[in-house]
Amino acid sequence: MKPALLLAFCVVLLGACRSRAPSYPVAPVEVSGSTVRDNALLGLAPEGVATLLTEALKTSGRFVQHGDDAPPETRPWRLTLDVPFTREVLKDGDPRSYAEVGATLTLERFGGDLPQQYEVVGLGEAPVLEDSPTGRQEAMGTALRSALRQVTDAAVLQLSALERSDEALVQDLRAADSRLSEVALRTLAERQHPAAAPLLIDQLQDATDADAVRRTMGTLVEMKARVAVPVLIDLARGKDLGFVQEIVFAVGEIGGPEAEAYLYTVAQGHDAPAVQAAAQQALDTLYASRKHSNAEARGPGHAD
């Protein structure tokens, strides 16, 4: 085949592959948060920000917008955009300042067996080329568009992951693209796949942000990942009493012999009465749950 014909064939094939990529139904975009209201740096009303995100979704070719009158079986994703910050920063060794815009896109869908909710983030930046209000506003606009492209791409990755098999997602865990591996981990954790637990435990041990620790801990609790119990016990050492109580309840929710032994020890001998009470409460709940499970396993014809 001649080079020109081969090139044309590849272009056609690429177009065909793109046309076969699934598209996702979405409702009209909503914008929340105070940062997009009365923000002189951004210079856009919430409606303008929503329009830019709608354009980014359309440009991706992966989203189809439906109005409020969409039939129930369509189950469009509801998209809510928050712009948590707009700021101007300096970088070492660069005389220019940079505009930075953060974006958080929440994807929600209802009407199935369970409601679905996911969150993706983006951080756009652009140099301020002109030291003036106009120059700063232009840089903020560029940074905002970059952040919106990022959350659009991340939304495609997340929704695509929902359609992938467990085996494919396990392979994605080793992807060089960190966004792909993060989405795969999130989806496998939601499916309570055992491959997710060790990586979540690594995240739990490495996390320095309290909210990130709580989110990871919550995911491990939902998975009932008993391998996480010793890590959670270690995590409690040296922490404030409020956080120790959170860990106590998390351990109780996960359950298992190691969790039970830990809760019994804490309930009997912790220095803080509040932590003792929390451990006893978690232990009582664990006992009740186990008794209920045993009764269900025996069936209605058996007495306790």
C-alpha atoms as a PDB file:
ATOM      1  CA  MET A   1       0.000   0.000   0.000  1.00  0.00           C
ATOM      2  CA  LYS A   2       1.327   3.444  -0.905  1.00  0.00           C
ATOM      3  CA  PRO A   3       2.294   5.730   1.995  1.00  0.00           C
ATOM      4  CA  ALA A   4      -0.407   8.284   1.137  1.00  0.00           C
ATOM      5  CA  LEU A   5      -3.099   5.590   1.008  1.00  0.00           C
ATOM      6  CA  LEU A   6      -1.816   4.036   4.226  1.00  0.00           C
ATOM      7  CA  LEU A   7      -2.004   7.405   5.990  1.00  0.00           C
ATOM      8  CA  ALA A   8      -5.535   7.980   4.729  1.00  0.00           C
ATOM      9  CA  PHE A   9      -6.552   4.499   5.889  1.00  0.00           C
ATOM     10  CA  CYS A  10      -5.135   5.174   9.391  1.00  0.00           C
ATOM     11  CA  VAL A  11      -7.022   8.473   9.617  1.00  0.00           C
ATOM     12  CA  VAL A  12     -10.283   6.774   8.648  1.00  0.00           C
ATOM     13  CA  LEU A  13      -9.624   3.935  11.103  1.00  0.00           C
ATOM     14  CA  LEU A  14      -8.913   6.398  13.915  1.00  0.00           C
ATOM     15  CA  GLY A  15     -12.124   8.237  13.161  1.00  0.00           C
ATOM     16  CA  ALA A  16     -14.066   4.989  13.191  1.00  0.00           C
ATOM     17  CA  CYS A  17     -12.571   4.022  16.567  1.00  0.00           C
ATOM     18  CA  ARG A  18     -13.551   7.381  18.006  1.00  0.00           C
ATOM     19  CA  SER A  19     -17.068   7.061  16.644  1.00  0.00           C
ATOM     20  CA  ARG A  20     -17.426   3.710  18.394  1.00  0.00           C
ATOM     21  CA  ALA A  21     -16.375   5.159  21.760  1.00  0.00           C
ATOM     22  CA  PRO A  22     -19.392   5.263  24.068  1.00  0.00           C
ATOM     23  CA  SER A  23     -21.030   8.584  24.835  1.00  0.00           C
ATOM     24  CA  TYR A  24     -22.566   9.457  28.167  1.00  0.00           C
ATOM     25  CA  PRO A  25     -25.896  11.246  28.708  1.00  0.00           C
ATOM     26  CA  VAL A  26     -25.637  14.325  30.925  1.00  0.00           C
ATOM     27  CA  ALA A  27     -28.110  16.820  32.308  1.00  0.00           C
ATOM     28  CA  PRO A  28     -27.473  20.577  31.982  1.00  0.00           C
ATOM     29  CA  VAL A  29     -24.413  21.629  33.986  1.00  0.00           C
ATOM     30  CA  GLU A  30     -24.877  23.202  37.418  1.00  0.00           C
ATOM     31  CA  VAL A  31     -22.326  25.491  39.072  1.00  0.00           C
ATOM     32  CA  SER A  32     -21.992  25.820  42.846  1.00  0.00           C
ATOM     33  CA  GLY A  33     -19.742  27.606  45.310  1.00  0.00           C
ATOM     34  CA  SER A  34     -19.024  31.223  46.180  1.00  0.00           C
ATOM     35  CA  THR A  35     -15.835  31.499  44.117  1.00  0.00           C
ATOM     36  CA  VAL A  36     -17.739  31.975  40.857  1.00  0.00           C
ATOM     37  CA  ARG A  37     -19.909  34.739  42.314  1.00  0.00           C
ATOM     38  CA  ASP A  38     -18.600  38.302  42.447  1.00  0.00           C
ATOM     39  CA  ASN A  39     -15.104  37.149  41.484  1.00  0.00           C
ATOM     40  CA  ALA A  40     -13.276  40.016  39.839  1.00  0.00           C
ATOM     41  CA  LEU A  41     -10.252  37.841  39.071  1.00  0.00           C
ATOM     42  CA  LEU A  42     -12.355  35.359  37.114  1.00  0.00           C
ATOM     43  CA  GLY A  43     -14.543  37.969  35.445  1.00  0.00           C
ATOM     44  CA  LEU A  44     -17.301  35.448  34.675  1.00  0.00           C
ATOM     45  CA  ALA A  45     -20.764  34.885  36.069  1.00  0.00           C
ATOM     46  CA  PRO A  46     -21.751  31.310  37.044  1.00  0.00           C
ATOM     47  CA  GLU A  47     -23.633  31.005  33.758  1.00  0.00           C
ATOM     48  CA  GLY A  48     -20.460  31.803  31.851  1.00  0.00           C
ATOM     49  CA  VAL A  49     -18.495  29.166  33.747  1.00  0.00           C
ATOM     50  CA  ALA A  50     -21.243  26.619  33.066  1.00  0.00           C
ATOM     51  CA  THR A  51     -21.107  27.494  29.360  1.00  0.00           C
ATOM     52  CA  LEU A  52     -17.344  26.903  29.257  1.00  0.00           C
ATOM     53  CA  LEU A  53     -17.736  23.479  30.871  1.00  0.00           C
ATOM     54  CA  THR A  54     -20.551  22.600  28.470  1.00  0.00           C
ATOM     55  CA  GLU A  55     -18.254  23.519  25.582  1.00  0.00           C
ATOM     56  CA  ALA A  56     -15.473  21.340  27.012  1.00  0.00           C
ATOM     57  CA  LEU A  57     -17.876  18.406  27.324  1.00  0.00           C
ATOM     58  CA  LYS A  58     -19.061  18.902  23.756  1.00  0.00           C
ATOM     59  CA  THR A  59     -15.507  19.187  22.406  1.00  0.00           C
ATOM     60  CA  SER A  60     -14.584  15.856  23.988  1.00  0.00           C
ATOM     61  CA  GLY A  61     -17.187  14.142  21.840  1.00  0.00           C
ATOM     62  CA  ARG A  62     -18.060  11.805  24.706  1.00  0.00           C
ATOM     63  CA  PHE A  63     -21.095  13.483  26.236  1.00  0.00           C
ATOM     64  CA  VAL A  64     -24.647  13.985  24.995  1.00  0.00           C
ATOM     65  CA  GLN A  65     -26.663  16.643  26.777  1.00  0.00           C
ATOM     66  CA  HIS A  66     -30.296  15.969  27.657  1.00  0.00           C
ATOM     67  CA  GLY A  67     -32.837  18.461  28.921  1.00  0.00           C
ATOM     68  CA  ASP A  68     -34.985  18.190  32.008  1.00  0.00           C
ATOM     69  CA  ASP A  69     -37.569  16.288  29.969  1.00  0.00           C
ATOM     70  CA  ALA A  70     -35.217  13.333  29.315  1.00  0.00           C
ATOM     71  CA  PRO A  71     -37.019   9.971  29.686  1.00  0.00           C
ATOM     72  CA  PRO A  72     -36.275   8.167  32.979  1.00  0.00           C
ATOM     73  CA  GLU A  73     -34.615   5.245  31.232  1.00  0.00           C
ATOM     74  CA  THR A  74     -31.943   7.608  29.886  1.00  0.00           C
ATOM     75  CA  ARG A  75     -30.615   8.158  33.408  1.00  0.00           C
ATOM     76  CA  PRO A  76     -28.421  11.144  32.543  1.00  0.00           C
ATOM     77  CA  TRP A  77     -25.506  12.024  34.782  1.00  0.00           C
ATOM     78  CA  ARG A  78     -25.998  15.159  36.813  1.00  0.00           C
ATOM     79  CA  LEU A  79     -22.845  17.303  36.722  1.00  0.00           C
ATOM     80  CA  THR A  80     -22.141  19.900  39.405  1.00  0.00           C
ATOM     81  CA  LEU A  81     -19.043  22.072  39.078  1.00  0.00           C
ATOM     82  CA  ASP A  82     -17.358  23.814  41.979  1.00  0.00           C
ATOM     83  CA  VAL A  83     -14.427  26.208  41.583  1.00  0.00           C
ATOM     84  CA  PRO A  84     -12.925  26.085  45.083  1.00  0.00           C
ATOM     85  CA  PHE A  85     -10.229  28.690  44.462  1.00  0.00           C
ATOM     86  CA  THR A  86      -8.749  31.223  42.070  1.00  0.00           C
ATOM     87  CA  ARG A  87      -5.344  32.562  43.058  1.00  0.00           C
ATOM     88  CA  GLU A  88      -2.163  34.183  41.811  1.00  0.00           C
ATOM     89  CA  VAL A  89       1.103  32.516  42.814  1.00  0.00           C
ATOM     90  CA  LEU A  90       4.849  32.949  42.350  1.00  0.00           C
ATOM     91  CA  LYS A  91       7.245  30.193  41.342  1.00  0.00           C
ATOM     92  CA  ASP A  92      10.902  29.857  42.248  1.00  0.00           C
ATOM     93  CA  GLY A  93      13.182  31.159  39.522  1.00  0.00           C
ATOM     94  CA  ASP A  94      10.364  32.667  37.438  1.00  0.00           C
ATOM     95  CA  PRO A  95       9.821  36.444  37.529  1.00  0.00           C
ATOM     96  CA  ARG A  96       6.243  36.053  36.326  1.00  0.00           C
ATOM     97  CA  SER A  97       3.244  35.287  38.479  1.00  0.00           C
ATOM     98  CA  TYR A  98       0.825  32.497  37.585  1.00  0.00           C
ATOM     99  CA  ALA A  99      -2.932  32.279  37.714  1.00  0.00           C
ATOM    100  CA  GLU A 100      -4.245  29.052  39.233  1.00  0.00           C
ATOM    101  CA  VAL A 101      -7.820  27.796  39.176  1.00  0.00           C
ATOM    102  CA  GLY A 102      -9.072  24.667  40.915  1.00  0.00           C
ATOM    103  CA  ALA A 103     -12.107  22.762  39.658  1.00  0.00           C
ATOM    104  CA  THR A 104     -14.110  19.939  41.219  1.00  0.00           C
ATOM    105  CA  LEU A 105     -16.710  18.127  39.147  1.00  0.00           C
ATOM    106  CA  THR A 106     -19.256  15.896  40.889  1.00  0.00           C
ATOM    107  CA  LEU A 107     -20.994  13.248  38.780  1.00  0.00           C
ATOM    108  CA  GLU A 108     -24.227  11.801  40.156  1.00  0.00           C
ATOM    109  CA  ARG A 109     -26.770   9.383  38.730  1.00  0.00           C
ATOM    110  CA  PHE A 110     -29.961   8.059  40.265  1.00  0.00           C
ATOM    111  CA  GLY A 111     -32.623   5.573  39.303  1.00  0.00           C
ATOM    112  CA  GLY A 112     -30.624   2.334  39.389  1.00  0.00           C
ATOM    113  CA  ASP A 113     -30.167  -0.187  42.168  1.00  0.00           C
ATOM    114  CA  LEU A 114     -27.936   2.288  44.020  1.00  0.00           C
ATOM    115  CA  PRO A 115     -27.218   5.995  43.522  1.00  0.00           C
ATOM    116  CA  GLN A 116     -23.817   6.620  41.968  1.00  0.00           C
ATOM    117  CA  GLN A 117     -21.555   9.531  42.830  1.00  0.00           C
ATOM    118  CA  TYR A 118     -18.002  10.318  41.768  1.00  0.00           C
ATOM    119  CA  GLU A 119     -15.759  13.343  42.108  1.00  0.00           C
ATOM    120  CA  VAL A 120     -12.939  14.411  39.790  1.00  0.00           C
ATOM    121  CA  VAL A 121     -10.618  17.400  40.145  1.00  0.00           C
ATOM    122  CA  GLY A 122      -8.495  19.632  37.954  1.00  0.00           C
ATOM    123  CA  LEU A 123      -5.918  22.378  38.480  1.00  0.00           C
ATOM    124  CA  GLY A 124      -5.345  24.823  35.642  1.00  0.00           C
ATOM    125  CA  GLU A 125      -2.549  27.373  35.521  1.00  0.00           C
ATOM    126  CA  ALA A 126      -1.362  30.062  33.152  1.00  0.00           C
ATOM    127  CA  PRO A 127       1.334  32.762  33.336  1.00  0.00           C
ATOM    128  CA  VAL A 128       0.247  36.357  33.807  1.00  0.00           C
ATOM    129  CA  LEU A 129       1.709  37.911  30.676  1.00  0.00           C
ATOM    130  CA  GLU A 130       0.616  41.462  31.391  1.00  0.00           C
ATOM    131  CA  ASP A 131       0.863  43.082  34.821  1.00  0.00           C
ATOM    132  CA  SER A 132      -2.598  44.623  34.749  1.00  0.00           C
ATOM    133  CA  PRO A 133      -6.164  43.720  35.761  1.00  0.00           C
ATOM    134  CA  THR A 134      -6.878  42.732  32.151  1.00  0.00           C
ATOM    135  CA  GLY A 135      -3.755  40.578  31.988  1.00  0.00           C
ATOM    136  CA  ARG A 136      -4.640  38.817  35.204  1.00  0.00           C
ATOM    137  CA  GLN A 137      -8.185  38.196  34.061  1.00  0.00           C
ATOM    138  CA  GLU A 138      -6.974  36.729  30.771  1.00  0.00           C
ATOM    139  CA  ALA A 139      -4.589  34.406  32.630  1.00  0.00           C
ATOM    140  CA  MET A 140      -7.403  33.309  34.968  1.00  0.00           C
ATOM    141  CA  GLY A 141      -9.594  32.563  31.960  1.00  0.00           C
ATOM    142  CA  THR A 142      -6.878  30.424  30.399  1.00  0.00           C
ATOM    143  CA  ALA A 143      -6.287  28.592  33.686  1.00  0.00           C
ATOM    144  CA  LEU A 144     -10.043  27.997  34.093  1.00  0.00           C
ATOM    145  CA  ARG A 145     -10.341  26.488  30.616  1.00  0.00           C
ATOM    146  CA  SER A 146      -7.400  24.200  31.371  1.00  0.00           C
ATOM    147  CA  ALA A 147      -9.011  23.036  34.630  1.00  0.00           C
ATOM    148  CA  LEU A 148     -12.301  22.372  32.832  1.00  0.00           C
ATOM    149  CA  ARG A 149     -10.543  20.274  30.179  1.00  0.00           C
ATOM    150  CA  GLN A 150      -8.885  18.282  32.940  1.00  0.00           C
ATOM    151  CA  VAL A 151     -12.129  17.497  34.774  1.00  0.00           C
ATOM    152  CA  THR A 152     -13.750  16.598  31.464  1.00  0.00           C
ATOM    153  CA  ASP A 153     -10.964  14.143  30.658  1.00  0.00           C
ATOM    154  CA  ALA A 154     -11.109  12.755  34.199  1.00  0.00           C
ATOM    155  CA  ALA A 155     -14.879  12.300  33.930  1.00  0.00           C
ATOM    156  CA  VAL A 156     -14.410  10.293  30.725  1.00  0.00           C
ATOM    157  CA  LEU A 157     -11.835   8.082  32.476  1.00  0.00           C
ATOM    158  CA  GLN A 158     -14.137   7.523  35.453  1.00  0.00           C
ATOM    159  CA  LEU A 159     -17.227   6.693  33.406  1.00  0.00           C
ATOM    160  CA  SER A 160     -15.208   4.471  31.070  1.00  0.00           C
ATOM    161  CA  ALA A 161     -13.857   2.562  34.066  1.00  0.00           C
ATOM    162  CA  LEU A 162     -17.400   1.669  35.130  1.00  0.00           C
ATOM    163  CA  GLU A 163     -17.746  -0.338  31.923  1.00  0.00           C
ATOM    164  CA  ARG A 164     -14.437  -2.170  32.215  1.00  0.00           C
ATOM    165  CA  SER A 165     -14.011  -5.666  33.600  1.00  0.00           C
ATOM    166  CA  ASP A 166     -12.247  -6.358  36.884  1.00  0.00           C
ATOM    167  CA  GLU A 167      -9.360  -7.954  34.986  1.00  0.00           C
ATOM    168  CA  ALA A 168      -8.897  -4.859  32.818  1.00  0.00           C
ATOM    169  CA  LEU A 169      -9.019  -2.571  35.843  1.00  0.00           C
ATOM    170  CA  VAL A 170      -6.408  -4.643  37.670  1.00  0.00           C
ATOM    171  CA  GLN A 171      -4.154  -4.138  34.635  1.00  0.00           C
ATOM    172  CA  ASP A 172      -4.906  -0.390  34.772  1.00  0.00           C
ATOM    173  CA  LEU A 173      -3.551  -0.272  38.329  1.00  0.00           C
ATOM    174  CA  ARG A 174      -0.068  -0.517  36.796  1.00  0.00           C
ATOM    175  CA  ALA A 175      -0.693   2.183  34.187  1.00  0.00           C
ATOM    176  CA  ALA A 176       1.929   4.894  33.802  1.00  0.00           C
ATOM    177  CA  ASP A 177      -0.854   7.482  33.754  1.00  0.00           C
ATOM    178  CA  SER A 178      -1.612   8.146  37.432  1.00  0.00           C
ATOM    179  CA  ARG A 179      -5.126   9.340  36.580  1.00  0.00           C
ATOM    180  CA  LEU A 180      -5.940   5.981  34.995  1.00  0.00           C
ATOM    181  CA  SER A 181      -4.554   3.997  37.921  1.00  0.00           C
ATOM    182  CA  GLU A 182      -6.427   6.168  40.448  1.00  0.00           C
ATOM    183  CA  VAL A 183      -9.738   5.689  38.626  1.00  0.00           C
ATOM    184  CA  ALA A 184      -9.127   1.943  38.377  1.00  0.00           C
ATOM    185  CA  LEU A 185      -8.416   1.772  42.115  1.00  0.00           C
ATOM    186  CA  ARG A 186     -11.549   3.745  42.946  1.00  0.00           C
ATOM    187  CA  THR A 187     -13.719   1.505  40.775  1.00  0.00           C
ATOM    188  CA  LEU A 188     -12.214  -1.726  42.089  1.00  0.00           C
ATOM    189  CA  ALA A 189     -12.711  -0.498  45.650  1.00  0.00           C
ATOM    190  CA  GLU A 190     -16.346   0.239  44.888  1.00  0.00           C
ATOM    191  CA  ARG A 191     -16.693  -3.316  43.600  1.00  0.00           C
ATOM    192  CA  GLN A 192     -14.912  -4.550  46.759  1.00  0.00           C
ATOM    193  CA  HIS A 193     -12.289  -6.304  44.662  1.00  0.00           C
ATOM    194  CA  PRO A 194      -9.467  -7.730  46.828  1.00  0.00           C
ATOM    195  CA  ALA A 195      -6.774  -6.201  44.614  1.00  0.00           C
ATOM    196  CA  ALA A 196      -7.774  -2.745  45.840  1.00  0.00           C
ATOM    197  CA  ALA A 197      -7.187  -3.322  49.558  1.00  0.00           C
ATOM    198  CA  PRO A 198      -3.334  -3.392  49.597  1.00  0.00           C
ATOM    199  CA  LEU A 199      -3.140  -0.195  47.549  1.00  0.00           C
ATOM    200  CA  LEU A 200      -5.684   1.548  49.761  1.00  0.00           C
ATOM    201  CA  ILE A 201      -3.659   0.515  52.797  1.00  0.00           C
ATOM    202  CA  ASP A 202      -0.558   2.036  51.178  1.00  0.00           C
ATOM    203  CA  GLN A 203      -2.518   5.244  50.640  1.00  0.00           C
ATOM    204  CA  LEU A 204      -3.665   5.190  54.258  1.00  0.00           C
ATOM    205  CA  GLN A 205      -0.091   4.894  55.513  1.00  0.00           C
ATOM    206  CA  ASP A 206       1.266   7.560  53.169  1.00  0.00           C
ATOM    207  CA  ALA A 207      -1.520  10.137  53.470  1.00  0.00           C
ATOM    208  CA  THR A 208      -0.775  13.298  55.424  1.00  0.00           C
ATOM    209  CA  ASP A 209      -4.104  15.042  54.871  1.00  0.00           C
ATOM    210  CA  ALA A 210      -6.729  14.154  57.494  1.00  0.00           C
ATOM    211  CA  ASP A 211      -9.591  14.218  55.004  1.00  0.00           C
ATOM    212  CA  ALA A 212      -7.707  11.871  52.665  1.00  0.00           C
ATOM    213  CA  VAL A 213      -7.106   9.485  55.575  1.00  0.00           C
ATOM    214  CA  ARG A 214     -10.801   9.512  56.443  1.00  0.00           C
ATOM    215  CA  ARG A 215     -11.867   8.892  52.842  1.00  0.00           C
ATOM    216  CA  THR A 216      -9.487   5.949  52.482  1.00  0.00           C
ATOM    217  CA  MET A 217     -10.506   4.585  55.853  1.00  0.00           C
ATOM    218  CA  GLY A 218     -14.160   4.830  54.849  1.00  0.00           C
ATOM    219  CA  THR A 219     -13.507   2.900  51.648  1.00  0.00           C
ATOM    220  CA  LEU A 220     -11.734   0.125  53.551  1.00  0.00           C
ATOM    221  CA  VAL A 221     -14.667  -0.045  55.962  1.00  0.00           C
ATOM    222  CA  GLU A 222     -17.113  -0.374  53.070  1.00  0.00           C
ATOM    223  CA  MET A 223     -14.978  -3.204  51.691  1.00  0.00           C
ATOM    224  CA  LYS A 224     -14.873  -4.918  55.110  1.00  0.00           C
ATOM    225  CA  ALA A 225     -11.132  -5.265  54.475  1.00  0.00           C
ATOM    226  CA  ARG A 226      -9.892  -7.171  57.521  1.00  0.00           C
ATOM    227  CA  VAL A 227      -6.290  -6.857  56.323  1.00  0.00           C
ATOM    228  CA  ALA A 228      -6.616  -3.156  57.171  1.00  0.00           C
ATOM    229  CA  VAL A 229      -7.359  -3.740  60.856  1.00  0.00           C
ATOM    230  CA  PRO A 230      -3.707  -3.957  62.092  1.00  0.00           C
ATOM    231  CA  VAL A 231      -2.838  -0.860  60.045  1.00  0.00           C
ATOM    232  CA  LEU A 232      -5.725   1.064  61.573  1.00  0.00           C
ATOM    233  CA  ILE A 233      -4.660  -0.042  65.049  1.00  0.00           C
ATOM    234  CA  ASP A 234      -1.132   1.260  64.403  1.00  0.00           C
ATOM    235  CA  LEU A 235      -2.605   4.467  62.991  1.00  0.00           C
ATOM    236  CA  ALA A 236      -4.374   5.166  66.282  1.00  0.00           C
ATOM    237  CA  ARG A 237      -1.125   5.440  68.236  1.00  0.00           C
ATOM    238  CA  GLY A 238      -0.315   8.985  69.260  1.00  0.00           C
ATOM    239  CA  LYS A 239      -3.446  10.487  67.709  1.00  0.00           C
ATOM    240  CA  ASP A 240      -5.948  12.780  69.406  1.00  0.00           C
ATOM    241  CA  LEU A 241      -8.857  11.160  71.197  1.00  0.00           C
ATOM    242  CA  GLY A 242     -11.449  12.177  68.614  1.00  0.00           C
ATOM    243  CA  PHE A 243      -9.544  10.479  65.810  1.00  0.00           C
ATOM    244  CA  VAL A 244      -8.898   7.394  67.954  1.00  0.00           C
ATOM    245  CA  GLN A 245     -12.657   7.091  68.460  1.00  0.00           C
ATOM    246  CA  GLU A 246     -13.150   7.248  64.687  1.00  0.00           C
ATOM    247  CA  ILE A 247     -10.645   4.434  64.236  1.00  0.00           C
ATOM    248  CA  VAL A 248     -12.326   2.391  66.965  1.00  0.00           C
ATOM    249  CA  PHE A 249     -15.664   2.590  65.166  1.00  0.00           C
ATOM    250  CA  ALA A 250     -13.992   1.820  61.805  1.00  0.00           C
ATOM    251  CA  VAL A 251     -12.357  -1.292  63.254  1.00  0.00           C
ATOM    252  CA  GLY A 252     -15.702  -2.353  64.678  1.00  0.00           C
ATOM    253  CA  GLU A 253     -17.414  -1.922  61.327  1.00  0.00           C
ATOM    254  CA  ILE A 254     -14.818  -4.095  59.611  1.00  0.00           C
ATOM    255  CA  GLY A 255     -15.005  -6.786  62.270  1.00  0.00           C
ATOM    256  CA  GLY A 256     -13.110 -10.060  62.581  1.00  0.00           C
ATOM    257  CA  PRO A 257     -11.171 -11.708  65.428  1.00  0.00           C
ATOM    258  CA  GLU A 258      -8.362  -9.137  65.441  1.00  0.00           C
ATOM    259  CA  ALA A 259     -10.845  -6.272  65.535  1.00  0.00           C
ATOM    260  CA  GLU A 260     -12.758  -7.931  68.363  1.00  0.00           C
ATOM    261  CA  ALA A 261      -9.627  -8.486  70.432  1.00  0.00           C
ATOM    262  CA  TYR A 262      -8.525  -4.871  69.936  1.00  0.00           C
ATOM    263  CA  LEU A 263     -11.922  -3.458  70.887  1.00  0.00           C
ATOM    264  CA  TYR A 264     -12.076  -5.632  74.011  1.00  0.00           C
ATOM    265  CA  THR A 265      -8.610  -4.479  75.120  1.00  0.00           C
ATOM    266  CA  VAL A 266      -9.434  -0.807  74.537  1.00  0.00           C
ATOM    267  CA  ALA A 267     -12.826  -1.099  76.250  1.00  0.00           C
ATOM    268  CA  GLN A 268     -11.191  -2.615  79.317  1.00  0.00           C
ATOM    269  CA  GLY A 269      -8.018  -0.618  79.666  1.00  0.00           C
ATOM    270  CA  HIS A 270      -7.747   2.638  77.669  1.00  0.00           C
ATOM    271  CA  ASP A 271      -6.795   5.690  79.712  1.00  0.00           C
ATOM    272  CA  ALA A 272      -9.568   7.856  78.259  1.00  0.00           C
ATOM    273  CA  PRO A 273     -13.131   7.006  79.357  1.00  0.00           C
ATOM    274  CA  ALA A 274     -14.533   8.373  76.083  1.00  0.00           C
ATOM    275  CA  VAL A 275     -12.398   5.975  74.056  1.00  0.00           C
ATOM    276  CA  GLN A 276     -13.326   3.104  76.385  1.00  0.00           C
ATOM    277  CA  ALA A 277     -17.012   3.881  75.866  1.00  0.00           C
ATOM    278  CA  ALA A 278     -16.566   4.073  72.093  1.00  0.00           C
ATOM    279  CA  ALA A 279     -14.789   0.716  72.046  1.00  0.00           C
ATOM    280  CA  GLN A 280     -17.516  -0.904  74.152  1.00  0.00           C
ATOM    281  CA  GLN A 281     -20.197   0.511  71.879  1.00  0.00           C
ATOM    282  CA  ALA A 282     -18.370  -0.760  68.786  1.00  0.00           C
ATOM    283  CA  LEU A 283     -17.904  -4.136  70.457  1.00  0.00           C
ATOM    284  CA  ASP A 284     -21.600  -4.394  71.361  1.00  0.00           C
ATOM    285  CA  THR A 285     -22.541  -3.534  67.785  1.00  0.00           C
ATOM    286  CA  LEU A 286     -20.108  -6.152  66.501  1.00  0.00           C
ATOM    287  CA  TYR A 287     -21.568  -8.815  68.805  1.00  0.00           C
ATOM    288  CA  ALA A 288     -25.125  -7.918  67.772  1.00  0.00           C
ATOM    289  CA  SER A 289     -24.231  -8.018  64.103  1.00  0.00           C
ATOM    290  CA  ARG A 290     -22.574 -11.400  64.480  1.00  0.00           C
ATOM    291  CA  LYS A 291     -25.551 -12.788  66.402  1.00  0.00           C
ATOM    292  CA  HIS A 292     -27.921 -11.537  63.722  1.00  0.00           C
ATOM    293  CA  SER A 293     -25.796 -13.079  60.969  1.00  0.00           C
ATOM    294  CA  ASN A 294     -25.703 -16.425  62.791  1.00  0.00           C
ATOM    295  CA  ALA A 295     -29.477 -16.372  63.265  1.00  0.00           C
ATOM    296  CA  GLU A 296     -30.013 -15.704  59.569  1.00  0.00           C
ATOM    297  CA  ALA A 297     -27.637 -18.539  58.675  1.00  0.00           C
ATOM    298  CA  ARG A 298     -29.556 -20.981  60.909  1.00  0.00           C
ATOM    299  CA  GLY A 299     -32.881 -19.963  59.414  1.00  0.00           C
ATOM    300  CA  PRO A 300     -36.273 -19.214  61.005  1.00  0.00           C
ATOM    301  CA  GLY A 301     -36.820 -22.765  62.285  1.00  0.00           C
ATOM    302  CA  HIS A 302     -33.983 -22.626  64.811  1.00  0.00           C
ATOM    303  CA  ALA A 303     -34.105 -21.049  68.244  1.00  0.00           C
ATOM    304  CA  ASP A 304     -31.243 -18.881  69.578  1.00  0.00           C
END
